[in-house]
Amino acid sequence: MFSGLSSTDIAFLFIALLASIVIHELMHGVVAYWLGDRTAADAGRLTLNPLASVDPLTTIFIPFLMIVTVGIPFFAAKPVPFNPDRVKWDEYGAALVGLAGPATNFVLAVIGALFFMVTTGVAQNFAYIFVIVNVGIMVFNLIPFPPLDGSRVLYAFAPEPLRKVMEQIEAFGFLAILLFILLLFSFLAPAVSDIQRAIVMFLLRQPV
């Protein structure tokens, strides 16, 4: 989906990535705030300022490396802090906070697809890239591996022994994600790629 990128496409990719990541992280904080946790608000993270969410390594370098090497986007930003003990409905509230990011990216992908259908030329090309980026963010983050967003949903329904294992993995933070990419993601990559492609095809109504 990202083969043969031109310099213009790379610029569009960066813009789409930056905007999508910022909104993704913002909505984590907004939903946490709605559910009673002010941690993100007190930390100044309820903002559209990209400097609050962008990490040079995980938001810029690694995504482009993943796209160039395996053709599958991996996107991460500075996580919005939240306290699961402060949100309503306990682990189910925490699951809603986790789902807020991927759900936001799906909405953005739908908006991008609508824009794609009513534009041509350069604008349509940007919309195409915008859809792919948001679908990529959504699908990757829904993988139920800590600390990805999907793990919050799994945690809400997992038995206690599995929760303890997930907590131990999550304690490693970004290192856990790095090990996941290096050791496990290659096995999941074909399925993840197929899912992303199917969703993009469905939204754009054309093969990609």
C-alpha atoms as a PDB file:
ATOM      1  CA  MET A   1       0.000   0.000   0.000  1.00  0.00           C
ATOM      2  CA  PHE A   2       2.967   2.298   0.480  1.00  0.00           C
ATOM      3  CA  SER A   3       5.121   1.156  -2.429  1.00  0.00           C
ATOM      4  CA  GLY A   4       6.684   3.710  -4.792  1.00  0.00           C
ATOM      5  CA  LEU A   5       6.240   6.772  -2.610  1.00  0.00           C
ATOM      6  CA  SER A   6       7.080  10.109  -4.212  1.00  0.00           C
ATOM      7  CA  SER A   7       8.425  13.080  -2.258  1.00  0.00           C
ATOM      8  CA  THR A   8       4.901  14.543  -2.260  1.00  0.00           C
ATOM      9  CA  ASP A   9       3.484  11.271  -0.939  1.00  0.00           C
ATOM     10  CA  ILE A  10       6.062  11.242   1.862  1.00  0.00           C
ATOM     11  CA  ALA A  11       5.047  14.781   2.829  1.00  0.00           C
ATOM     12  CA  PHE A  12       1.380  13.755   2.785  1.00  0.00           C
ATOM     13  CA  LEU A  13       2.222  10.682   4.851  1.00  0.00           C
ATOM     14  CA  PHE A  14       3.955  12.787   7.474  1.00  0.00           C
ATOM     15  CA  ILE A  15       1.052  15.268   7.656  1.00  0.00           C
ATOM     16  CA  ALA A  16      -1.538  12.495   7.869  1.00  0.00           C
ATOM     17  CA  LEU A  17       0.490  10.628  10.481  1.00  0.00           C
ATOM     18  CA  LEU A  18       1.010  13.706  12.628  1.00  0.00           C
ATOM     19  CA  ALA A  19      -2.633  14.797  12.551  1.00  0.00           C
ATOM     20  CA  SER A  20      -3.985  11.289  13.137  1.00  0.00           C
ATOM     21  CA  ILE A  21      -1.667  10.480  16.037  1.00  0.00           C
ATOM     22  CA  VAL A  22      -2.401  13.788  17.783  1.00  0.00           C
ATOM     23  CA  ILE A  23      -6.175  13.318  17.521  1.00  0.00           C
ATOM     24  CA  HIS A  24      -5.865   9.657  18.547  1.00  0.00           C
ATOM     25  CA  GLU A  25      -4.025  10.553  21.744  1.00  0.00           C
ATOM     26  CA  LEU A  26      -6.270  13.534  22.453  1.00  0.00           C
ATOM     27  CA  MET A  27      -9.372  11.337  22.401  1.00  0.00           C
ATOM     28  CA  HIS A  28      -7.835   8.913  24.894  1.00  0.00           C
ATOM     29  CA  GLY A  29      -7.528  11.835  27.282  1.00  0.00           C
ATOM     30  CA  VAL A  30     -10.958  13.258  26.479  1.00  0.00           C
ATOM     31  CA  VAL A  31     -12.745   9.965  27.135  1.00  0.00           C
ATOM     32  CA  ALA A  32     -10.769   9.463  30.350  1.00  0.00           C
ATOM     33  CA  TYR A  33     -11.813  12.978  31.392  1.00  0.00           C
ATOM     34  CA  TRP A  34     -15.470  12.230  30.600  1.00  0.00           C
ATOM     35  CA  LEU A  35     -15.195   9.116  32.750  1.00  0.00           C
ATOM     36  CA  GLY A  36     -13.818  11.048  35.717  1.00  0.00           C
ATOM     37  CA  ASP A  37     -10.031  10.931  35.387  1.00  0.00           C
ATOM     38  CA  ARG A  38      -8.282  14.308  35.167  1.00  0.00           C
ATOM     39  CA  THR A  39      -4.740  12.907  34.828  1.00  0.00           C
ATOM     40  CA  ALA A  40      -4.347  13.879  31.165  1.00  0.00           C
ATOM     41  CA  ALA A  41      -5.954  17.278  31.723  1.00  0.00           C
ATOM     42  CA  ASP A  42      -3.673  18.054  34.668  1.00  0.00           C
ATOM     43  CA  ALA A  43      -0.658  17.008  32.561  1.00  0.00           C
ATOM     44  CA  GLY A  44      -1.646  19.406  29.775  1.00  0.00           C
ATOM     45  CA  ARG A  45      -2.329  16.591  27.300  1.00  0.00           C
ATOM     46  CA  LEU A  46      -5.856  17.627  26.280  1.00  0.00           C
ATOM     47  CA  THR A  47      -4.439  19.596  23.384  1.00  0.00           C
ATOM     48  CA  LEU A  48      -4.017  19.472  19.606  1.00  0.00           C
ATOM     49  CA  ASN A  49      -0.443  20.712  19.956  1.00  0.00           C
ATOM     50  CA  PRO A  50       1.606  18.011  18.176  1.00  0.00           C
ATOM     51  CA  LEU A  51       4.620  18.658  20.401  1.00  0.00           C
ATOM     52  CA  ALA A  52       2.665  17.161  23.286  1.00  0.00           C
ATOM     53  CA  SER A  53       2.167  13.825  21.506  1.00  0.00           C
ATOM     54  CA  VAL A  54       5.049  13.372  19.092  1.00  0.00           C
ATOM     55  CA  ASP A  55       8.019  11.206  20.020  1.00  0.00           C
ATOM     56  CA  PRO A  56      10.854  11.399  17.427  1.00  0.00           C
ATOM     57  CA  LEU A  57      11.609   7.680  17.706  1.00  0.00           C
ATOM     58  CA  THR A  58       8.183   6.051  17.859  1.00  0.00           C
ATOM     59  CA  THR A  59       6.167   8.618  15.907  1.00  0.00           C
ATOM     60  CA  ILE A  60       8.570   9.432  13.077  1.00  0.00           C
ATOM     61  CA  PHE A  61      11.584   7.148  12.730  1.00  0.00           C
ATOM     62  CA  ILE A  62      10.073   3.720  13.428  1.00  0.00           C
ATOM     63  CA  PRO A  63       6.893   4.271  11.345  1.00  0.00           C
ATOM     64  CA  PHE A  64       8.911   5.187   8.263  1.00  0.00           C
ATOM     65  CA  LEU A  65      11.306   2.292   8.913  1.00  0.00           C
ATOM     66  CA  MET A  66       8.371  -0.127   9.123  1.00  0.00           C
ATOM     67  CA  ILE A  67       6.811   1.235   5.941  1.00  0.00           C
ATOM     68  CA  VAL A  68      10.069   0.987   4.018  1.00  0.00           C
ATOM     69  CA  THR A  69      11.025  -2.494   5.288  1.00  0.00           C
ATOM     70  CA  VAL A  70       7.765  -4.432   5.613  1.00  0.00           C
ATOM     71  CA  GLY A  71       5.232  -2.048   4.088  1.00  0.00           C
ATOM     72  CA  ILE A  72       3.025  -2.074   7.194  1.00  0.00           C
ATOM     73  CA  PRO A  73       2.640   1.127   9.199  1.00  0.00           C
ATOM     74  CA  PHE A  74       3.378   1.038  12.907  1.00  0.00           C
ATOM     75  CA  PHE A  75       2.544   4.274  14.667  1.00  0.00           C
ATOM     76  CA  ALA A  76       2.995   5.304  18.268  1.00  0.00           C
ATOM     77  CA  ALA A  77       3.112   8.552  20.175  1.00  0.00           C
ATOM     78  CA  LYS A  78       3.713   9.646  23.717  1.00  0.00           C
ATOM     79  CA  PRO A  79       0.936   7.822  25.579  1.00  0.00           C
ATOM     80  CA  VAL A  80      -1.657  10.041  27.225  1.00  0.00           C
ATOM     81  CA  PRO A  81      -1.438   9.361  30.956  1.00  0.00           C
ATOM     82  CA  PHE A  82      -4.544   8.133  32.696  1.00  0.00           C
ATOM     83  CA  ASN A  83      -5.336   6.401  35.962  1.00  0.00           C
ATOM     84  CA  PRO A  84      -7.613   3.380  35.443  1.00  0.00           C
ATOM     85  CA  ASP A  85      -8.506   3.500  39.137  1.00  0.00           C
ATOM     86  CA  ARG A  86     -10.158   6.896  38.646  1.00  0.00           C
ATOM     87  CA  VAL A  87     -12.445   6.168  35.709  1.00  0.00           C
ATOM     88  CA  LYS A  88     -16.032   5.033  36.021  1.00  0.00           C
ATOM     89  CA  TRP A  89     -16.896   1.358  35.574  1.00  0.00           C
ATOM     90  CA  ASP A  90     -13.413   0.181  36.587  1.00  0.00           C
ATOM     91  CA  GLU A  91     -11.731  -1.997  33.932  1.00  0.00           C
ATOM     92  CA  TYR A  92     -14.654  -1.500  31.545  1.00  0.00           C
ATOM     93  CA  GLY A  93     -14.140   2.250  31.735  1.00  0.00           C
ATOM     94  CA  ALA A  94     -10.435   1.701  31.087  1.00  0.00           C
ATOM     95  CA  ALA A  95     -11.401  -0.413  28.063  1.00  0.00           C
ATOM     96  CA  LEU A  96     -13.458   2.502  26.722  1.00  0.00           C
ATOM     97  CA  VAL A  97     -10.447   4.777  27.142  1.00  0.00           C
ATOM     98  CA  GLY A  98      -8.364   2.274  25.204  1.00  0.00           C
ATOM     99  CA  LEU A  99     -10.952   1.962  22.432  1.00  0.00           C
ATOM    100  CA  ALA A 100     -11.264   5.723  22.073  1.00  0.00           C
ATOM    101  CA  GLY A 101      -8.064   6.003  20.052  1.00  0.00           C
ATOM    102  CA  PRO A 102      -8.738   3.283  17.440  1.00  0.00           C
ATOM    103  CA  ALA A 103     -12.390   4.331  17.193  1.00  0.00           C
ATOM    104  CA  THR A 104     -11.254   7.874  16.458  1.00  0.00           C
ATOM    105  CA  ASN A 105      -8.961   6.625  13.709  1.00  0.00           C
ATOM    106  CA  PHE A 106     -11.836   4.692  12.161  1.00  0.00           C
ATOM    107  CA  VAL A 107     -13.957   7.848  12.096  1.00  0.00           C
ATOM    108  CA  LEU A 108     -11.058   9.760  10.537  1.00  0.00           C
ATOM    109  CA  ALA A 109     -10.640   7.003   7.943  1.00  0.00           C
ATOM    110  CA  VAL A 110     -14.335   7.236   7.038  1.00  0.00           C
ATOM    111  CA  ILE A 111     -14.041  11.016   6.682  1.00  0.00           C
ATOM    112  CA  GLY A 112     -10.951  10.541   4.514  1.00  0.00           C
ATOM    113  CA  ALA A 113     -12.806   8.004   2.350  1.00  0.00           C
ATOM    114  CA  LEU A 114     -15.693  10.419   1.810  1.00  0.00           C
ATOM    115  CA  PHE A 115     -13.195  13.112   0.856  1.00  0.00           C
ATOM    116  CA  PHE A 116     -11.525  10.650  -1.521  1.00  0.00           C
ATOM    117  CA  MET A 117     -14.809  10.033  -3.326  1.00  0.00           C
ATOM    118  CA  VAL A 118     -15.545  13.707  -4.016  1.00  0.00           C
ATOM    119  CA  THR A 119     -12.063  14.928  -5.001  1.00  0.00           C
ATOM    120  CA  THR A 120      -9.509  14.319  -7.729  1.00  0.00           C
ATOM    121  CA  GLY A 121      -5.789  14.788  -8.272  1.00  0.00           C
ATOM    122  CA  VAL A 122      -3.569  15.859  -5.405  1.00  0.00           C
ATOM    123  CA  ALA A 123      -6.429  16.202  -2.921  1.00  0.00           C
ATOM    124  CA  GLN A 124      -7.624  12.683  -3.677  1.00  0.00           C
ATOM    125  CA  ASN A 125      -4.094  11.331  -3.294  1.00  0.00           C
ATOM    126  CA  PHE A 126      -3.831  12.905   0.157  1.00  0.00           C
ATOM    127  CA  ALA A 127      -7.207  11.454   1.118  1.00  0.00           C
ATOM    128  CA  TYR A 128      -6.021   8.018  -0.028  1.00  0.00           C
ATOM    129  CA  ILE A 129      -2.913   8.218   2.167  1.00  0.00           C
ATOM    130  CA  PHE A 130      -4.953   9.629   5.067  1.00  0.00           C
ATOM    131  CA  VAL A 131      -7.294   6.625   4.947  1.00  0.00           C
ATOM    132  CA  ILE A 132      -4.439   4.112   4.859  1.00  0.00           C
ATOM    133  CA  VAL A 133      -2.640   5.793   7.765  1.00  0.00           C
ATOM    134  CA  ASN A 134      -5.719   5.833   9.973  1.00  0.00           C
ATOM    135  CA  VAL A 135      -6.665   2.260   9.182  1.00  0.00           C
ATOM    136  CA  GLY A 136      -3.079   1.263   9.962  1.00  0.00           C
ATOM    137  CA  ILE A 137      -3.134   3.043  13.310  1.00  0.00           C
ATOM    138  CA  MET A 138      -6.499   1.523  14.178  1.00  0.00           C
ATOM    139  CA  VAL A 139      -5.657  -2.082  13.296  1.00  0.00           C
ATOM    140  CA  PHE A 140      -2.215  -2.106  14.883  1.00  0.00           C
ATOM    141  CA  ASN A 141      -3.427  -0.540  18.117  1.00  0.00           C
ATOM    142  CA  LEU A 142      -6.258  -3.056  18.411  1.00  0.00           C
ATOM    143  CA  ILE A 143      -3.763  -5.920  18.719  1.00  0.00           C
ATOM    144  CA  PRO A 144      -4.317  -7.120  22.315  1.00  0.00           C
ATOM    145  CA  PHE A 145      -0.673  -6.922  23.369  1.00  0.00           C
ATOM    146  CA  PRO A 146       0.268  -4.578  26.247  1.00  0.00           C
ATOM    147  CA  PRO A 147       0.512  -1.643  26.183  1.00  0.00           C
ATOM    148  CA  LEU A 148      -1.404  -1.371  22.878  1.00  0.00           C
ATOM    149  CA  ASP A 149      -4.997  -0.170  23.117  1.00  0.00           C
ATOM    150  CA  GLY A 150      -6.445  -3.586  22.367  1.00  0.00           C
ATOM    151  CA  SER A 151      -4.896  -4.924  25.549  1.00  0.00           C
ATOM    152  CA  ARG A 152      -7.204  -2.663  27.577  1.00  0.00           C
ATOM    153  CA  VAL A 153     -10.210  -4.396  26.062  1.00  0.00           C
ATOM    154  CA  LEU A 154      -8.743  -7.852  26.637  1.00  0.00           C
ATOM    155  CA  TYR A 155      -7.859  -6.925  30.220  1.00  0.00           C
ATOM    156  CA  ALA A 156     -11.492  -6.062  30.987  1.00  0.00           C
ATOM    157  CA  PHE A 157     -12.586  -9.613  30.194  1.00  0.00           C
ATOM    158  CA  ALA A 158      -9.453 -11.644  30.912  1.00  0.00           C
ATOM    159  CA  PRO A 159      -9.146 -14.033  33.878  1.00  0.00           C
ATOM    160  CA  GLU A 160      -6.945 -12.958  36.758  1.00  0.00           C
ATOM    161  CA  PRO A 161      -3.859 -15.037  35.808  1.00  0.00           C
ATOM    162  CA  LEU A 162      -3.807 -13.505  32.317  1.00  0.00           C
ATOM    163  CA  ARG A 163      -4.261 -10.011  33.780  1.00  0.00           C
ATOM    164  CA  LYS A 164      -1.168 -10.489  35.924  1.00  0.00           C
ATOM    165  CA  VAL A 165       0.879 -11.546  32.898  1.00  0.00           C
ATOM    166  CA  MET A 166      -0.378  -8.526  30.947  1.00  0.00           C
ATOM    167  CA  GLU A 167       0.514  -6.195  33.813  1.00  0.00           C
ATOM    168  CA  GLN A 168       4.055  -7.590  33.886  1.00  0.00           C
ATOM    169  CA  ILE A 169       4.426  -7.074  30.137  1.00  0.00           C
ATOM    170  CA  GLU A 170       2.987  -3.554  30.288  1.00  0.00           C
ATOM    171  CA  ALA A 171       5.517  -2.620  32.967  1.00  0.00           C
ATOM    172  CA  PHE A 172       8.215  -2.775  30.276  1.00  0.00           C
ATOM    173  CA  GLY A 173       6.495   0.054  28.374  1.00  0.00           C
ATOM    174  CA  PHE A 174       7.985   0.807  24.958  1.00  0.00           C
ATOM    175  CA  LEU A 175      10.506  -2.007  25.357  1.00  0.00           C
ATOM    176  CA  ALA A 176       7.588  -4.462  25.312  1.00  0.00           C
ATOM    177  CA  ILE A 177       6.395  -2.985  22.004  1.00  0.00           C
ATOM    178  CA  LEU A 178       9.899  -3.139  20.555  1.00  0.00           C
ATOM    179  CA  LEU A 179      10.285  -6.793  21.514  1.00  0.00           C
ATOM    180  CA  PHE A 180       6.826  -7.492  20.141  1.00  0.00           C
ATOM    181  CA  ILE A 181       7.788  -5.990  16.774  1.00  0.00           C
ATOM    182  CA  LEU A 182      11.128  -7.791  16.624  1.00  0.00           C
ATOM    183  CA  LEU A 183      10.019 -11.208  17.872  1.00  0.00           C
ATOM    184  CA  LEU A 184       6.297 -11.653  17.245  1.00  0.00           C
ATOM    185  CA  PHE A 185       5.030  -9.167  14.697  1.00  0.00           C
ATOM    186  CA  SER A 186       6.569 -10.953  11.725  1.00  0.00           C
ATOM    187  CA  PHE A 187       4.167 -13.840  12.384  1.00  0.00           C
ATOM    188  CA  LEU A 188       1.181 -11.496  12.552  1.00  0.00           C
ATOM    189  CA  ALA A 189       2.216  -9.182   9.732  1.00  0.00           C
ATOM    190  CA  PRO A 190       0.476 -11.083   6.886  1.00  0.00           C
ATOM    191  CA  ALA A 191      -2.838 -11.174   8.773  1.00  0.00           C
ATOM    192  CA  VAL A 192      -2.520  -7.541   9.878  1.00  0.00           C
ATOM    193  CA  SER A 193      -1.735  -6.498   6.309  1.00  0.00           C
ATOM    194  CA  ASP A 194      -4.721  -8.416   4.941  1.00  0.00           C
ATOM    195  CA  ILE A 195      -7.064  -6.869   7.502  1.00  0.00           C
ATOM    196  CA  GLN A 196      -5.798  -3.367   6.767  1.00  0.00           C
ATOM    197  CA  ARG A 197      -6.123  -3.897   3.034  1.00  0.00           C
ATOM    198  CA  ALA A 198      -9.656  -5.278   3.356  1.00  0.00           C
ATOM    199  CA  ILE A 199     -10.795  -2.308   5.426  1.00  0.00           C
ATOM    200  CA  VAL A 200      -9.194   0.205   3.065  1.00  0.00           C
ATOM    201  CA  MET A 201     -10.775  -1.518   0.065  1.00  0.00           C
ATOM    202  CA  PHE A 202     -14.161  -1.449   1.783  1.00  0.00           C
ATOM    203  CA  LEU A 203     -13.883   2.256   2.581  1.00  0.00           C
ATOM    204  CA  LEU A 204     -12.518   3.365  -0.767  1.00  0.00           C
ATOM    205  CA  ARG A 205     -14.592   0.925  -2.833  1.00  0.00           C
ATOM    206  CA  GLN A 206     -11.591   0.008  -4.954  1.00  0.00           C
ATOM    207  CA  PRO A 207      -8.575  -2.347  -4.856  1.00  0.00           C
ATOM    208  CA  VAL A 208      -5.378  -1.062  -3.196  1.00  0.00           C
END
